[in-house]
C-alpha atoms as a PDB file:
ATOM      1  CA  UNK A   1       2.461  -5.855  12.927  1.00  0.00           C
ATOM      2  CA  UNK A   2       1.217  -6.258   9.350  1.00  0.00           C
ATOM      3  CA  UNK A   3      -2.053  -7.758  10.530  1.00  0.00           C
ATOM      4  CA  UNK A   4      -2.691  -4.792  12.831  1.00  0.00           C
ATOM      5  CA  UNK A   5      -1.968  -2.327  10.028  1.00  0.00           C
ATOM      6  CA  UNK A   6      -4.308  -4.166   7.677  1.00  0.00           C
ATOM      7  CA  UNK A   7      -7.060  -4.239  10.287  1.00  0.00           C
ATOM      8  CA  UNK A   8      -6.737  -0.476  10.763  1.00  0.00           C
ATOM      9  CA  UNK A   9      -6.855   0.015   6.990  1.00  0.00           C
ATOM     10  CA  UNK A  10     -10.020  -2.088   6.778  1.00  0.00           C
ATOM     11  CA  UNK A  11     -11.673   0.133   9.377  1.00  0.00           C
ATOM     12  CA  UNK A  12     -10.750   3.240   7.356  1.00  0.00           C
ATOM     13  CA  UNK A  13     -12.139   1.913   4.071  1.00  0.00           C
ATOM     14  CA  UNK A  14     -15.218   0.547   5.797  1.00  0.00           C
ATOM     15  CA  UNK A  15     -14.402  -3.031   4.844  1.00  0.00           C
ATOM     16  CA  UNK A  16     -14.879  -2.515   1.107  1.00  0.00           C
ATOM     17  CA  UNK A  17     -11.421  -3.912   0.365  1.00  0.00           C
ATOM     18  CA  UNK A  18     -11.876  -6.853   2.743  1.00  0.00           C
ATOM     19  CA  UNK A  19     -11.809  -9.376  -0.104  1.00  0.00           C
ATOM     20  CA  UNK A  20      -8.667  -7.720  -1.481  1.00  0.00           C
ATOM     21  CA  UNK A  21      -6.814  -8.138   1.808  1.00  0.00           C
ATOM     22  CA  UNK A  22      -7.971 -11.777   2.026  1.00  0.00           C
ATOM     23  CA  UNK A  23      -6.475 -12.442  -1.401  1.00  0.00           C
ATOM     24  CA  UNK A  24      -3.229 -10.727  -0.415  1.00  0.00           C
ATOM     25  CA  UNK A  25      -2.948 -12.877   2.723  1.00  0.00           C
ATOM     26  CA  UNK A  26      -3.397 -16.047   0.692  1.00  0.00           C
END
């Protein structure tokens, strides 16, 4: 579920916070 929510969030921000999410996952 979390992954789906994060993917939707990435689409909303246009992928600008992609690196941020990557860091959070690690």
